[in-house]
Protein backbone atom coordinates (compact mmCIF):
# COMPACT_ATOMS: atom_id res chain seq x y z
CA UNK A 1 -0.28 -0.20 0.20
CA UNK A 2 2.69 2.31 1.23
CA UNK A 3 4.50 1.40 -2.72
CA UNK A 4 1.16 2.84 -4.39
CA UNK A 5 0.76 5.57 -2.36
CA UNK A 6 4.37 7.23 -2.58
CA UNK A 7 4.14 5.84 -6.67
CA UNK A 8 1.18 8.18 -6.52
CA UNK A 9 2.48 10.92 -5.06
CA UNK A 10 5.51 11.13 -7.81
CA UNK A 11 3.04 10.75 -10.80
CA UNK A 12 1.41 13.60 -8.96
CA UNK A 13 4.07 16.18 -8.61
CA UNK A 14 5.17 15.32 -12.35
CA UNK A 15 1.81 16.10 -13.49
CA UNK A 16 2.03 19.65 -11.55
CA UNK A 17 5.77 20.19 -13.12
CA UNK A 18 4.08 19.00 -16.19
CA UNK A 19 0.88 21.38 -15.69
CA UNK A 20 2.94 24.75 -14.82
CA UNK A 21 5.38 24.36 -17.75
CA UNK A 22 2.66 23.53 -20.16
CA UNK A 23 0.82 26.69 -18.65
CA UNK A 24 4.48 28.66 -19.22
CA UNK A 25 4.66 27.32 -23.07
CA UNK A 26 1.05 28.28 -23.73
CA UNK A 27 1.47 31.86 -22.08
CA UNK A 28 5.00 32.99 -23.36
CA UNK A 29 3.84 31.49 -27.00
CA UNK A 30 0.49 33.75 -26.99
CA UNK A 31 2.67 36.43 -26.28
CA UNK A 32 4.89 36.01 -28.80
CA UNK A 33 2.15 35.53 -31.25
CA UNK A 34 0.05 38.42 -29.48
CA UNK A 35 3.52 40.94 -30.02
CA UNK A 36 3.97 39.39 -33.83
CA UNK A 37 0.02 40.02 -34.54
CA UNK A 38 0.55 43.96 -33.06
CA UNK A 39 3.39 43.95 -34.98
CA UNK A 40 1.71 42.93 -38.22
CA UNK A 41 -0.62 45.07 -37.61
CA UNK A 42 1.74 47.68 -37.40
CA UNK A 43 3.55 47.39 -40.25
CA UNK A 44 0.53 46.81 -43.03
CA UNK A 45 -1.28 50.12 -41.52
CA UNK A 46 1.79 52.28 -41.98
CA UNK A 47 2.09 50.43 -45.35
CA UNK A 48 -1.43 51.96 -46.42
CA UNK A 49 -0.92 54.98 -44.59
CA UNK A 50 2.12 55.65 -47.00
CA UNK A 51 0.44 54.36 -50.11
CA UNK A 52 -2.32 56.93 -49.77
CA UNK A 53 -0.33 59.35 -49.31
CA UNK A 54 2.13 59.05 -51.98
CA UNK A 55 5.22 58.45 -49.68
CA UNK A 56 8.31 57.23 -51.93
CA UNK A 57 9.17 53.62 -51.63
CA UNK A 58 12.72 53.96 -50.70
CA UNK A 59 11.02 55.96 -47.74
CA UNK A 60 8.76 53.01 -46.96
CA UNK A 61 11.95 50.50 -47.81
CA UNK A 62 13.85 52.32 -44.99
CA UNK A 63 10.62 52.41 -42.71
CA UNK A 64 10.06 48.40 -42.87
CA UNK A 65 14.15 47.66 -42.34
CA UNK A 66 14.26 50.47 -39.41
CA UNK A 67 11.29 48.01 -37.84
CA UNK A 68 12.60 44.94 -38.35
CA UNK A 69 15.87 45.94 -37.37
CA UNK A 70 14.88 47.50 -33.90
CA UNK A 71 11.98 45.71 -32.66
CA UNK A 72 13.65 43.59 -30.26
CA UNK A 73 15.41 47.21 -28.70
CA UNK A 74 12.05 49.61 -28.94
CA UNK A 75 10.03 46.63 -26.86
CA UNK A 76 12.87 46.75 -24.51
CA UNK A 77 12.69 50.15 -24.12
CA UNK A 78 8.86 50.42 -23.64
CA UNK A 79 8.68 48.21 -20.60
CA UNK A 80 11.76 50.05 -19.47
CA UNK A 81 10.21 53.64 -19.65
CA UNK A 82 6.48 51.82 -18.20
CA UNK A 83 8.89 50.42 -15.06
CA UNK A 84 10.28 54.43 -15.07
CA UNK A 85 6.80 55.86 -15.05
CA UNK A 86 4.63 54.03 -13.78
CA UNK A 87 5.63 51.40 -10.97
CA UNK A 88 8.64 53.20 -9.27
CA UNK A 89 8.51 56.06 -6.66
CA UNK A 90 10.23 59.38 -7.82
CA UNK A 91 13.43 58.82 -5.53
CA UNK A 92 14.06 55.41 -6.73
CA UNK A 93 13.52 56.52 -10.25
CA UNK A 94 16.22 59.65 -9.91
CA UNK A 95 18.25 56.98 -8.36
CA UNK A 96 18.48 54.58 -11.54
CA UNK A 97 18.56 57.27 -13.81
CA UNK A 98 21.83 58.77 -12.16
CA UNK A 99 23.71 55.39 -12.87
CA UNK A 100 22.25 54.83 -15.97
CA UNK A 101 23.20 57.96 -17.86
CA UNK A 102 25.38 60.62 -15.30
CA UNK A 103 28.68 58.37 -16.40
CA UNK A 104 27.65 59.30 -20.16
CA UNK A 105 26.67 62.39 -19.26
CA UNK A 106 30.03 63.30 -17.47
CA UNK A 107 32.35 62.38 -20.44
CA UNK A 108 31.36 66.42 -22.23
CA UNK A 109 33.31 68.94 -20.47
CA UNK A 110 30.70 71.47 -20.78
CA UNK A 111 28.31 69.55 -18.42
CA UNK A 112 30.89 68.60 -15.96
CA UNK A 113 31.67 72.38 -15.01
CA UNK A 114 27.73 73.36 -15.42
CA UNK A 115 26.93 70.68 -12.98
CA UNK A 116 29.46 72.66 -10.59
CA UNK A 117 27.08 75.54 -10.25
CA UNK A 118 24.22 73.33 -8.90
CA UNK A 119 24.11 70.54 -6.82
CA UNK A 120 20.86 69.21 -8.74
CA UNK A 121 21.72 70.04 -11.93
CA UNK A 122 23.54 66.57 -12.56
CA UNK A 123 20.36 64.44 -10.78
CA UNK A 124 17.85 66.66 -12.73
CA UNK A 125 19.90 66.31 -16.24
CA UNK A 126 19.50 62.76 -16.13
CA UNK A 127 15.90 62.45 -15.58
CA UNK A 128 15.23 64.24 -18.58
CA UNK A 129 17.27 61.90 -20.82
CA UNK A 130 16.18 58.61 -22.87
CA UNK A 131 17.64 56.13 -24.88
CA UNK A 132 17.07 55.43 -28.94
CA UNK A 133 17.74 53.15 -31.29
CA UNK A 134 18.36 53.54 -34.84
CA UNK A 135 19.00 50.94 -37.22
CA UNK A 136 22.12 50.53 -39.92
CA UNK A 137 21.95 53.04 -42.81
CA UNK A 138 19.68 55.32 -40.82
CA UNK A 139 19.64 58.75 -41.12
CA UNK A 140 20.07 60.28 -37.36
CA UNK A 141 20.03 63.99 -38.97
CA UNK A 142 20.62 66.17 -41.61
CA UNK A 143 22.34 69.41 -42.37
CA UNK A 144 20.40 72.45 -42.31
CA UNK A 145 18.07 71.14 -39.83
CA UNK A 146 17.20 72.73 -36.09
CA UNK A 147 19.25 71.46 -33.64
CA UNK A 148 17.13 69.29 -31.79
CA UNK A 149 19.13 67.36 -29.52
CA UNK A 150 22.78 66.00 -28.76
CA UNK A 151 23.08 62.52 -28.83
CA UNK A 152 26.19 60.27 -27.28
CA UNK A 153 27.07 56.96 -28.50
CA UNK A 154 26.92 53.79 -26.16
CA UNK A 155 26.96 51.02 -28.74
CA UNK A 156 27.00 51.42 -32.70
CA UNK A 157 28.92 53.95 -35.17
CA UNK A 158 27.72 56.93 -36.94
CA UNK A 159 29.58 58.50 -40.23
CA UNK A 160 29.09 61.96 -41.45
CA UNK A 161 28.12 61.31 -44.89
CA UNK A 162 27.82 64.62 -46.51
CA UNK A 163 28.83 68.10 -45.21
CA UNK A 164 29.09 71.45 -47.50
CA UNK A 165 31.42 72.93 -45.06
CA UNK A 166 33.88 70.42 -44.34
CA UNK A 167 36.55 69.39 -47.07
CA UNK A 168 38.11 65.47 -47.05
CA UNK A 169 37.23 62.40 -45.03
CA UNK A 170 35.50 62.71 -41.65
CA UNK A 171 36.44 59.99 -39.34
CA UNK A 172 33.00 58.19 -38.15
CA UNK A 173 31.74 58.89 -34.39
CA UNK A 174 32.82 55.85 -32.02
CA UNK A 175 31.07 55.01 -28.82
CA UNK A 176 32.15 57.17 -26.39
CA UNK A 177 31.38 60.50 -28.46
CA UNK A 178 28.78 63.04 -29.00
CA UNK A 179 27.16 64.61 -31.78
CA UNK A 180 24.87 67.27 -31.75
CA UNK A 181 26.45 68.96 -28.96
CA UNK A 182 26.90 72.44 -30.38
CA UNK A 183 22.43 72.79 -29.69
CA UNK A 184 23.83 72.69 -26.03
CA UNK A 185 25.11 76.20 -27.03
CA UNK A 186 22.96 77.79 -29.36
CA UNK A 187 19.36 75.73 -29.49
CA UNK A 188 19.12 77.77 -32.57
CA UNK A 189 21.75 76.56 -34.46
CA UNK A 190 21.22 74.29 -37.47
CA UNK A 191 22.53 71.33 -37.97
CA UNK A 192 25.52 71.34 -40.24
CA UNK A 193 26.54 68.13 -41.33
CA UNK A 194 24.26 64.78 -42.47
CA UNK A 195 25.13 61.57 -40.54
CA UNK A 196 24.01 58.17 -40.93
CA UNK A 197 24.26 54.96 -38.37
CA UNK A 198 26.97 52.40 -40.22
CA UNK A 199 25.52 49.65 -37.68
CA UNK A 200 22.69 48.85 -35.30
CA UNK A 201 23.03 51.67 -32.82
CA UNK A 202 22.35 52.73 -29.25
CA UNK A 203 22.54 56.10 -28.19
CA UNK A 204 21.15 58.68 -25.55
CA UNK A 205 19.35 61.14 -26.90
CA UNK A 206 19.13 64.42 -24.25
CA UNK A 207 16.73 67.04 -26.35
CA UNK A 208 18.52 70.80 -26.38
CA UNK A 209 15.53 72.40 -25.17
CA UNK A 210 15.07 70.64 -22.01
CA UNK A 211 18.67 71.24 -21.15
CA UNK A 212 18.05 74.73 -21.44
CA UNK A 213 14.92 74.65 -19.78
CA UNK A 214 16.71 73.16 -16.73
CA UNK A 215 19.38 76.27 -16.62
CA UNK A 216 16.65 78.48 -16.88
CA UNK A 217 14.83 76.45 -13.92
CA UNK A 218 18.13 76.47 -11.68
CA UNK A 219 18.95 79.98 -12.45
CA UNK A 220 21.57 79.42 -14.09
CA UNK A 221 21.04 81.44 -17.47
CA UNK A 222 23.17 84.54 -16.28
CA UNK A 223 26.34 82.09 -15.76
CA UNK A 224 25.93 80.12 -18.59
CA UNK A 225 25.68 83.08 -20.89
CA UNK A 226 29.11 84.24 -19.63
CA UNK A 227 30.27 81.09 -19.90
CA UNK A 228 29.79 80.59 -23.25
CA UNK A 229 31.12 84.10 -24.50
CA UNK A 230 34.44 83.22 -23.08
CA UNK A 231 34.73 79.80 -22.63
CA UNK A 232 32.03 77.96 -25.50
CA UNK A 233 33.20 80.02 -28.28
CA UNK A 234 36.33 78.65 -28.25
CA UNK A 235 35.34 75.75 -28.41
CA UNK A 236 33.25 72.34 -27.52
CA UNK A 237 34.66 69.16 -28.94
CA UNK A 238 32.15 66.22 -29.09
CA UNK A 239 34.95 63.64 -29.85
CA UNK A 240 37.41 64.01 -26.72
CA UNK A 241 34.84 66.29 -24.60
CA UNK A 242 36.92 68.93 -24.41
CA UNK A 243 35.87 72.73 -24.11
CA UNK A 244 37.48 75.87 -24.50
CA UNK A 245 40.29 74.68 -26.80
CA UNK A 246 38.81 73.44 -29.85
CA UNK A 247 35.92 72.34 -32.00
CA UNK A 248 35.36 68.60 -33.26
CA UNK A 249 36.31 69.12 -36.95
CA UNK A 250 39.84 69.86 -35.32
CA UNK A 251 40.14 67.87 -32.84
CA UNK A 252 43.58 66.85 -32.26
CA UNK A 253 42.90 63.13 -31.26
CA UNK A 254 40.95 62.89 -34.35
CA UNK A 255 42.49 64.08 -36.75
CA UNK A 256 42.16 62.37 -40.63
CA UNK A 257 44.63 59.84 -40.20
CA UNK A 258 45.64 59.12 -36.82
CA UNK A 259 43.79 57.46 -33.95
CA UNK A 260 43.73 58.55 -30.28
CA UNK A 261 45.99 57.65 -28.16
CA UNK A 262 45.94 53.80 -26.96
CA UNK A 263 48.73 51.55 -24.91
CA UNK A 264 48.93 48.00 -26.67
CA UNK A 265 51.93 45.30 -26.38
CA UNK A 266 52.70 45.94 -29.97
CA UNK A 267 52.96 49.74 -29.58
CA UNK A 268 51.25 53.14 -29.61
CA UNK A 269 50.21 56.35 -31.45
CA UNK A 270 50.78 54.04 -34.50
CA UNK A 271 48.54 53.55 -37.37
CA UNK A 272 50.73 52.09 -39.67
CA UNK A 273 50.99 48.14 -40.40
CA UNK A 274 53.60 46.16 -38.99
CA UNK A 275 54.86 43.28 -41.52
CA UNK A 276 56.76 40.61 -40.15
CA UNK A 277 60.36 39.87 -42.02
CA UNK A 278 59.66 36.24 -42.93
CA UNK A 279 56.55 37.79 -45.14
CA UNK A 280 56.65 36.86 -48.78
CA UNK A 281 56.66 39.87 -51.15
CA UNK A 282 53.21 38.95 -52.25
CA UNK A 283 51.87 38.93 -48.83
CA UNK A 284 53.76 42.56 -48.42
CA UNK A 285 51.97 43.91 -51.34
CA UNK A 286 48.58 42.54 -50.55
CA UNK A 287 49.77 44.23 -47.09
CA UNK A 288 49.82 47.68 -48.85
CA UNK A 289 46.53 46.92 -50.87
CA UNK A 290 44.83 46.32 -47.53
CA UNK A 291 46.79 49.61 -45.93
CA UNK A 292 45.25 51.88 -48.86
CA UNK A 293 42.22 50.58 -48.88
CA UNK A 294 41.20 50.81 -44.92
CA UNK A 295 42.38 54.12 -45.34
CA UNK A 296 40.35 54.93 -48.74
CA UNK A 297 43.69 56.06 -50.32
CA UNK A 298 43.02 53.07 -53.28
CA UNK A 299 43.06 55.89 -56.23
CA UNK A 300 46.65 56.54 -55.21
CA UNK A 301 47.55 52.76 -56.05
CA UNK A 302 48.66 53.42 -59.58
CA UNK A 303 50.64 56.44 -58.71
CA UNK A 304 52.53 54.82 -55.81
CA UNK A 305 53.24 51.76 -57.49
CA UNK A 306 55.02 54.20 -60.47
CA UNK A 307 57.00 55.58 -57.63
CA UNK A 308 58.25 52.01 -57.23
CA UNK A 309 56.45 51.62 -53.72
CA UNK A 310 55.63 47.91 -52.88
CA UNK A 311 55.00 47.68 -49.54
CA UNK A 312 54.16 49.89 -46.50
CA UNK A 313 57.52 50.38 -45.67
CA UNK A 314 58.02 52.18 -48.76
CA UNK A 315 55.80 54.23 -48.44
CA UNK A 316 57.54 56.41 -46.10
CA UNK A 317 60.72 57.13 -49.17
CA UNK A 318 57.85 58.48 -51.12
CA UNK A 319 58.11 62.29 -52.12
CA UNK A 320 54.89 63.83 -51.15
CA UNK A 321 55.58 67.15 -53.14
CA UNK A 322 56.62 65.22 -56.45
CA UNK A 323 53.15 63.41 -55.89
CA UNK A 324 51.42 66.33 -55.60
CA UNK A 325 52.65 67.48 -58.56
CA UNK A 326 51.98 64.16 -60.29
CA UNK A 327 48.59 64.71 -59.56
CA UNK A 328 47.94 68.34 -60.49
CA UNK A 329 44.48 69.98 -59.81
CA UNK A 330 42.69 67.00 -59.13
CA UNK A 331 41.27 67.80 -55.66
CA UNK A 332 40.32 64.54 -54.68
CA UNK A 333 43.29 63.11 -54.95
CA UNK A 334 45.17 66.26 -53.41
CA UNK A 335 43.16 65.48 -49.97
CA UNK A 336 44.39 61.99 -50.18
CA UNK A 337 47.88 62.54 -50.69
CA UNK A 338 47.81 65.20 -47.97
CA UNK A 339 45.98 62.07 -45.54
CA UNK A 340 48.95 60.02 -46.30
CA UNK A 341 51.35 62.73 -45.67
CA UNK A 342 49.57 62.79 -41.95
CA UNK A 343 49.41 59.35 -41.83
CA UNK A 344 53.61 59.02 -42.01
CA UNK A 345 53.75 62.08 -39.35
CA UNK A 346 52.00 59.67 -36.70
CA UNK A 347 54.07 56.60 -37.86
CA UNK A 348 57.36 58.48 -37.41
CA UNK A 349 56.31 59.49 -33.67
CA UNK A 350 55.02 55.55 -33.08
CA UNK A 351 58.61 54.77 -34.52
CA UNK A 352 60.48 57.17 -32.18
CA UNK A 353 58.75 55.50 -29.38
CA UNK A 354 59.80 52.05 -30.23
CA UNK A 355 62.97 53.22 -30.53
CA UNK A 356 63.23 55.08 -27.02
CA UNK A 357 61.53 51.65 -25.50
CA UNK A 358 64.08 52.07 -22.81
CA UNK A 359 64.00 55.33 -21.75
CA UNK A 360 59.94 55.30 -21.67
CA UNK A 361 60.14 53.18 -18.92
CA UNK A 362 61.60 55.71 -16.53
CA UNK A 363 59.09 58.00 -17.53
CA UNK A 364 55.69 58.68 -16.17
CA UNK A 365 52.40 59.05 -17.81
CA UNK A 366 50.85 61.14 -15.57
CA UNK A 367 52.51 63.06 -12.45
CA UNK A 368 50.38 64.01 -9.84
CA UNK A 369 51.25 67.51 -7.92
CA UNK A 370 49.84 68.55 -4.74
CA UNK A 371 49.98 69.84 -1.57
CA UNK A 372 50.28 66.73 0.81
CA UNK A 373 48.61 68.44 4.14
CA UNK A 374 45.65 69.76 1.80
CA UNK A 375 45.08 66.72 -0.96
CA UNK A 376 47.21 63.92 -0.03
CA UNK A 377 44.31 61.31 0.96
CA UNK A 378 42.64 62.97 -2.79
CA UNK A 379 45.47 61.95 -4.21
CA UNK A 380 45.93 58.55 -3.49
CA UNK A 381 42.25 58.11 -4.54
CA UNK A 382 42.29 59.36 -7.80
CA UNK A 383 45.99 57.57 -8.09
CA UNK A 384 43.98 54.08 -7.68
CA UNK A 385 41.27 55.44 -9.90
CA UNK A 386 43.02 56.40 -12.96
CA UNK A 387 44.89 52.84 -12.86
CA UNK A 388 41.56 50.90 -12.25
CA UNK A 389 40.33 52.96 -15.45
CA UNK A 390 42.96 52.36 -17.67
CA UNK A 391 42.31 48.82 -17.33
CA UNK A 392 38.87 49.64 -17.45
CA UNK A 393 39.39 51.36 -20.85
CA UNK A 394 41.60 48.15 -22.12
CA UNK A 395 45.07 50.19 -21.73
CA UNK A 396 46.55 47.38 -19.24
CA UNK A 397 49.97 48.31 -21.70
CA UNK A 398 50.59 50.86 -20.29
CA UNK A 399 51.92 49.41 -16.73
CA UNK A 400 54.44 47.92 -19.15
CA UNK A 401 55.66 50.58 -20.91
CA UNK A 402 56.14 52.64 -18.06
CA UNK A 403 57.72 51.14 -14.98
CA UNK A 404 55.48 53.63 -12.92
CA UNK A 405 53.02 55.43 -14.90
CA UNK A 406 51.61 57.26 -12.38
CA UNK A 407 53.94 59.11 -10.40
CA UNK A 408 52.79 60.11 -6.82
CA UNK A 409 55.55 62.45 -5.27
CA UNK A 410 53.95 61.42 -1.32
CA UNK A 411 55.24 57.83 -2.50
CA UNK A 412 57.81 58.06 -4.35
CA UNK A 413 59.98 61.32 -3.96
CA UNK A 414 63.27 60.78 -2.96
CA UNK A 415 64.77 64.68 -3.38
CA UNK A 416 64.05 67.46 -5.19
CA UNK A 417 66.58 66.83 -8.06
CA UNK A 418 65.01 63.57 -8.21
CA UNK A 419 61.36 65.36 -8.40
CA UNK A 420 62.48 68.02 -11.15
CA UNK A 421 64.08 64.89 -13.37
CA UNK A 422 61.05 62.76 -13.26
CA UNK A 423 58.99 66.10 -13.94
CA UNK A 424 61.21 66.10 -16.84
CA UNK A 425 60.40 62.45 -17.63
CA UNK A 426 56.27 62.93 -17.03
CA UNK A 427 53.76 63.42 -20.26
CA UNK A 428 51.16 64.78 -18.29
CA UNK A 429 51.34 66.80 -15.16
CA UNK A 430 47.76 67.06 -13.42
CA UNK A 431 47.78 70.40 -10.45
CA UNK A 432 45.59 69.52 -8.15
CA UNK A 433 44.19 73.26 -7.05
CA UNK A 434 43.48 73.29 -3.23
CA UNK A 435 43.65 75.99 -0.75
CA UNK A 436 47.68 77.48 -0.43
CA UNK A 437 49.18 74.70 -3.41
CA UNK A 438 50.14 77.86 -5.63
CA UNK A 439 52.03 79.07 -2.34
CA UNK A 440 54.17 75.67 -1.70
CA UNK A 441 57.77 75.64 -3.01
CA UNK A 442 58.14 72.12 -4.28
CA UNK A 443 54.67 72.41 -6.30
CA UNK A 444 56.01 75.86 -7.61
CA UNK A 445 59.19 74.15 -8.27
CA UNK A 446 57.06 71.13 -10.15
CA UNK A 447 55.02 74.21 -11.49
CA UNK A 448 57.79 75.69 -13.28
CA UNK A 449 59.86 73.00 -14.17
CA UNK A 450 57.21 71.59 -16.16
CA UNK A 451 56.06 74.66 -18.06
CA UNK A 452 60.01 75.25 -19.17
CA UNK A 453 59.83 71.57 -20.58
CA UNK A 454 57.01 71.50 -22.45
CA UNK A 455 55.08 68.98 -20.16
CA UNK A 456 51.10 69.54 -20.59
CA UNK A 457 50.03 70.63 -17.49
CA UNK A 458 46.32 69.43 -16.57
CA UNK A 459 44.50 71.44 -13.72
CA UNK A 460 41.97 70.20 -11.51
CA UNK A 461 40.17 71.85 -9.27
CA UNK A 462 39.29 69.30 -5.64
CA UNK A 463 35.91 70.04 -4.43
CA UNK A 464 35.40 69.70 -0.94
CA UNK A 465 33.93 71.71 1.44
CA UNK A 466 36.13 74.67 3.53
CA UNK A 467 38.90 73.82 1.51
CA UNK A 468 37.92 75.85 -1.69
CA UNK A 469 40.77 76.86 -4.07
CA UNK A 470 40.86 80.35 -5.10
CA UNK A 471 41.70 80.97 -9.15
CA UNK A 472 44.67 83.90 -9.28
CA UNK A 473 43.06 87.49 -10.41
CA UNK A 474 45.44 90.51 -10.52
CA UNK A 475 45.59 90.55 -6.79
CA UNK A 476 47.27 87.86 -6.53
CA UNK A 477 49.54 88.19 -9.13
CA UNK A 478 50.63 91.83 -7.72
CA UNK A 479 51.26 89.91 -3.96
CA UNK A 480 53.57 87.22 -5.69
CA UNK A 481 55.40 89.67 -7.46
CA UNK A 482 55.89 91.82 -4.57
CA UNK A 483 57.71 89.22 -2.45
CA UNK A 484 54.47 89.45 0.02
CA UNK A 485 52.95 85.89 -0.65
CA UNK A 486 55.54 83.46 -0.16
CA UNK A 487 57.48 83.16 3.01
CA UNK A 488 61.47 82.80 3.37
CA UNK A 489 62.40 79.56 3.24
CA UNK A 490 59.88 79.18 -0.44
CA UNK A 491 61.87 82.18 -1.43
CA UNK A 492 64.67 80.34 -0.27
CA UNK A 493 64.61 77.26 -2.22
CA UNK A 494 63.01 79.41 -5.67
CA UNK A 495 66.65 80.75 -5.49
CA UNK A 496 68.47 77.42 -4.98
CA UNK A 497 67.09 76.14 -8.16
CA UNK A 498 67.25 79.38 -10.33
CA UNK A 499 63.61 80.36 -10.56
CA UNK A 500 62.58 84.00 -10.37
CA UNK A 501 59.21 84.97 -9.34
CA UNK A 502 58.48 86.38 -12.91
CA UNK A 503 58.96 82.60 -14.04
CA UNK A 504 56.78 81.68 -10.98
CA UNK A 505 53.60 84.27 -12.39
CA UNK A 506 54.83 82.70 -15.75
CA UNK A 507 54.39 79.26 -15.21
CA UNK A 508 50.66 79.78 -12.96
CA UNK A 509 49.48 82.46 -15.88
CA UNK A 510 50.46 79.50 -18.34
CA UNK A 511 48.29 77.16 -16.15
CA UNK A 512 44.91 78.86 -16.61
CA UNK A 513 44.94 78.84 -19.44
CA UNK A 514 42.74 75.80 -19.46
CA UNK A 515 39.94 75.15 -18.06
CA UNK A 516 40.18 73.24 -14.64
CA UNK A 517 38.46 69.82 -14.09
CA UNK A 518 36.56 69.16 -11.19
CA UNK A 519 37.20 66.10 -8.93
CA UNK A 520 34.83 65.57 -5.66
CA UNK A 521 36.45 62.87 -3.54
CA UNK A 522 33.65 62.96 -1.39
CA UNK A 523 30.94 62.34 -4.21
CA UNK A 524 29.59 58.97 -5.08
CA UNK A 525 32.10 56.48 -6.77
CA UNK A 526 30.08 56.97 -10.19
CA UNK A 527 30.64 61.12 -10.26
CA UNK A 528 34.48 60.11 -9.16
CA UNK A 529 34.70 57.46 -11.63
CA UNK A 530 32.91 59.80 -14.50
CA UNK A 531 35.32 63.08 -13.12
CA UNK A 532 38.77 60.65 -13.66
CA UNK A 533 37.21 59.57 -16.88
CA UNK A 534 36.83 63.51 -18.34
CA UNK A 535 40.26 63.65 -17.03
CA UNK A 536 41.57 60.72 -18.85
CA UNK A 537 40.44 62.13 -21.90
CA UNK A 538 43.11 65.13 -21.79
CA UNK A 539 45.63 62.66 -21.11
CA UNK A 540 47.80 63.04 -24.29
CA UNK A 541 51.32 61.23 -24.69
CA UNK A 542 54.16 63.89 -25.22
CA UNK A 543 55.19 64.67 -29.01
CA UNK A 544 58.92 63.10 -29.36
CA UNK A 545 58.95 66.00 -32.18
CA UNK A 546 58.37 68.54 -30.13
CA UNK A 547 61.41 71.50 -29.57
CA UNK A 548 60.62 71.35 -26.41
CA UNK A 549 60.58 67.77 -25.53
CA UNK A 550 64.01 67.53 -27.86
CA UNK A 551 65.39 70.26 -25.74
CA UNK A 552 64.19 68.00 -22.26
CA UNK A 553 65.94 64.98 -24.05
CA UNK A 554 69.19 66.73 -24.68
CA UNK A 555 69.69 68.12 -21.09
CA UNK A 556 68.60 65.12 -19.44
CA UNK A 557 71.69 63.50 -21.36
């Protein structure tokens, strides 16, 4: 009897499990069928509408293609938006929005600066963002149409296919870049490019009117207008995020023929194609063809062959001036010759770096200059976050190129002579701006040394209550030159190293030609990482061919 009862229980459990699974399968199938039915009804209704209103076949095909390619993503977005609007309380909705969008928003220098004007700005701005997905070959925006929004690329790739204001090829926009950022400067401005998606592309979209409405609501309009006149008129770059230095079309990290600096085990800053000694001449010829095709230079192939060019290495021996004469008045080919020239100059930098591997080991990518009493803890925190982001960004090889890529003098310093030597060996000096940093002798020595040796200086304001940094004004410089600012021991140290007060004034003024980036040690990790990411976008390897750098290397010898 017990055996029979036991078997009946097992059979019952199996029936229950099968029933539950069957019910789930039926429900799932019905949901899919309902979605498919809804999609088919939508598609047929749209086609009838298009035909009734004589919409062109080309536009109809583009709409259908977009519907098919973006269908799954749009369903997911619709469900997410329903969750945010109907099922989450306000504060939780704000938290979700901040975690989703703040790191992307902080990649643009304009937003990085405006967020420090009002504590609520960043959170409120994240609530106005939404995600969009566009199918490949779909037009995102057309030239001479209103600039209604700016877009941050999350995934995918955008290409400029037409622009009446620019000549020559335009580098594609990749994940981490912005397009349409000028709508934040002036919402009345019209687009100057036609941009399409090369692949299925996910975008963070921020309407320009929402941005300007928030500026007005928070009482920041007057400050924004002043910032626009003094800084935004000088530049706002959607590629690297910089503000007050250059515009997108002349970004130094993404000029035609160059790539943004990245570290790899094979080298960095180079765009040339390496060819092994074991490859056959035919393989090398294939590499040359692939190289020219990849940079859209195939129309130069016959001319290069007539000059005896058979491999990528042979390009270094080409007389570009003679090649321009052969091209004549063909504007398209002339632009291609100029692009080839840019590629070759970039490859020379790459080769120079490879020849100086041993010397680079003792150099530093970043030198953190700070007043230890005011920012020692913050500098150590920043160092850890920079190293973490370098690895996260795929630049692990930086730790092979440099023995100490991020130099922090509170840990690595031996003496003042060692300090100045390390400043000369630095590619980027990050100056942490705290209350009394510009009165500290060692910091001033580092600053003057960096200016004299052409080291790139990046000012970063440490944002913490009770220790605000005051930017130098005319009264500051008057007191500095009058000997009222620095104490006797500081003056003695400067004199010992041949530094005069005029040198200090010149160095400090050169620092503040760039806008200081913020670093908020007491804010959330998400915001700190976004601020450090914005800093890393400004970090660049030193140009090995610059006059200052050559002089620095000679001095060290």
